[in-house]
Protein backbone atom coordinates (compact mmCIF):
# COMPACT_ATOMS: atom_id res chain seq x y z
CA MET A 1 10.34 -5.93 7.70
CA SER A 2 8.28 -8.17 5.61
CA ARG A 3 7.99 -11.72 6.53
CA GLU A 4 7.79 -14.15 3.46
CA GLU A 5 6.31 -17.57 4.20
CA ASN A 6 8.30 -20.37 3.14
CA ASN A 7 7.12 -23.62 1.69
CA TRP A 8 9.21 -26.54 1.92
CA LEU A 9 9.59 -29.31 -1.18
CA LEU A 10 12.10 -32.09 -0.97
CA PHE A 11 13.56 -33.48 -4.02
CA SER A 12 16.36 -35.74 -4.39
CA THR A 13 19.61 -34.04 -5.88
CA LYS A 14 20.76 -37.22 -7.50
CA VAL A 15 17.77 -37.16 -9.89
CA ILE A 16 17.07 -33.42 -10.48
CA GLN A 17 19.62 -30.64 -11.00
CA ASN A 18 19.84 -27.80 -8.53
CA ASN A 19 18.68 -25.19 -10.89
CA ILE A 20 15.55 -27.15 -11.82
CA VAL A 21 14.76 -27.54 -7.82
CA GLN A 22 14.95 -23.84 -7.49
CA GLN A 23 12.67 -22.74 -10.36
CA GLN A 24 10.16 -25.48 -9.17
CA GLU A 25 10.57 -23.96 -5.72
CA HIS A 26 9.94 -20.26 -7.00
CA PHE A 27 6.90 -21.49 -9.20
CA LEU A 28 5.12 -23.13 -6.31
CA ASN A 29 5.94 -20.49 -3.77
CA ASN A 30 4.16 -17.90 -6.18
CA ILE A 31 1.10 -20.00 -6.45
CA LEU A 32 0.70 -21.12 -2.96
CA ASN A 33 1.14 -17.24 -1.89
CA LYS A 34 -1.68 -16.41 -4.51
CA VAL A 35 -3.89 -18.98 -2.83
CA ALA A 36 -3.19 -17.74 0.72
CA ALA A 37 -4.09 -14.46 -0.27
CA GLU A 38 -7.17 -15.08 -1.95
CA LEU A 39 -8.42 -17.25 1.01
CA SER A 40 -7.33 -14.25 3.61
CA PHE A 41 -9.42 -11.80 1.18
CA CYS A 42 -12.24 -14.00 1.25
CA HIS A 43 -12.23 -14.43 5.26
CA ALA A 44 -11.93 -10.62 5.54
CA CYS A 45 -14.95 -9.90 3.21
CA GLU A 46 -18.75 -10.68 3.36
CA ILE A 47 -21.32 -10.66 0.64
CA ILE A 48 -24.48 -8.65 1.00
CA ASP A 49 -27.12 -10.28 -1.28
CA ILE A 50 -30.03 -7.80 -1.65
CA ASN A 51 -31.97 -10.15 -3.86
CA ARG A 52 -32.07 -12.95 -1.13
CA CYS A 53 -32.12 -10.43 1.71
CA LYS A 54 -29.00 -12.33 3.31
CA ILE A 55 -25.50 -11.41 4.70
CA ILE A 56 -23.04 -14.33 3.74
CA THR A 57 -19.71 -14.87 5.50
CA SER A 58 -18.79 -18.33 4.36
CA ALA A 59 -15.32 -18.06 2.60
CA ASN A 60 -16.33 -20.60 -0.23
CA TYR A 61 -19.50 -18.60 -1.15
CA VAL A 62 -17.41 -15.35 -1.07
CA LYS A 63 -15.01 -16.79 -3.37
CA SER A 64 -17.53 -17.96 -5.80
CA THR A 65 -19.58 -14.85 -5.67
CA ILE A 66 -16.67 -12.62 -6.52
CA TYR A 67 -15.85 -14.73 -9.64
CA GLN A 68 -19.58 -14.37 -10.71
CA TYR A 69 -19.78 -10.70 -9.38
CA TYR A 70 -20.92 -8.92 -12.82
CA GLU A 71 -23.38 -11.48 -13.45
CA ASN A 72 -25.69 -10.95 -10.36
CA PRO A 73 -27.34 -7.49 -9.65
CA PHE A 74 -27.66 -6.04 -6.18
CA VAL A 75 -24.82 -8.39 -4.80
CA PHE A 76 -22.10 -6.31 -2.96
CA VAL A 77 -18.96 -7.18 -1.37
CA PHE A 78 -18.22 -5.61 2.00
CA CYS A 79 -15.05 -5.59 4.07
CA LYS A 80 -15.86 -6.91 7.63
CA ASN A 81 -13.25 -4.09 9.17
């Protein structure tokens, strides 16, 4: 059974209609799930940089390197498992 994380957002129902609240909740849930998945991926991987002779495990550096992956030669992404 899959477990879906829920994010709570409070709106005043006097100001906003119920269907708009549901649309906003669905939109925010999609965005936050993608961000959480990206962060989990960055924690599970490491960067091996042959040019600098380094192994980097910092999640922020892993994320930035993945976005620039094709610009840097001899930089590899490996899973820690």
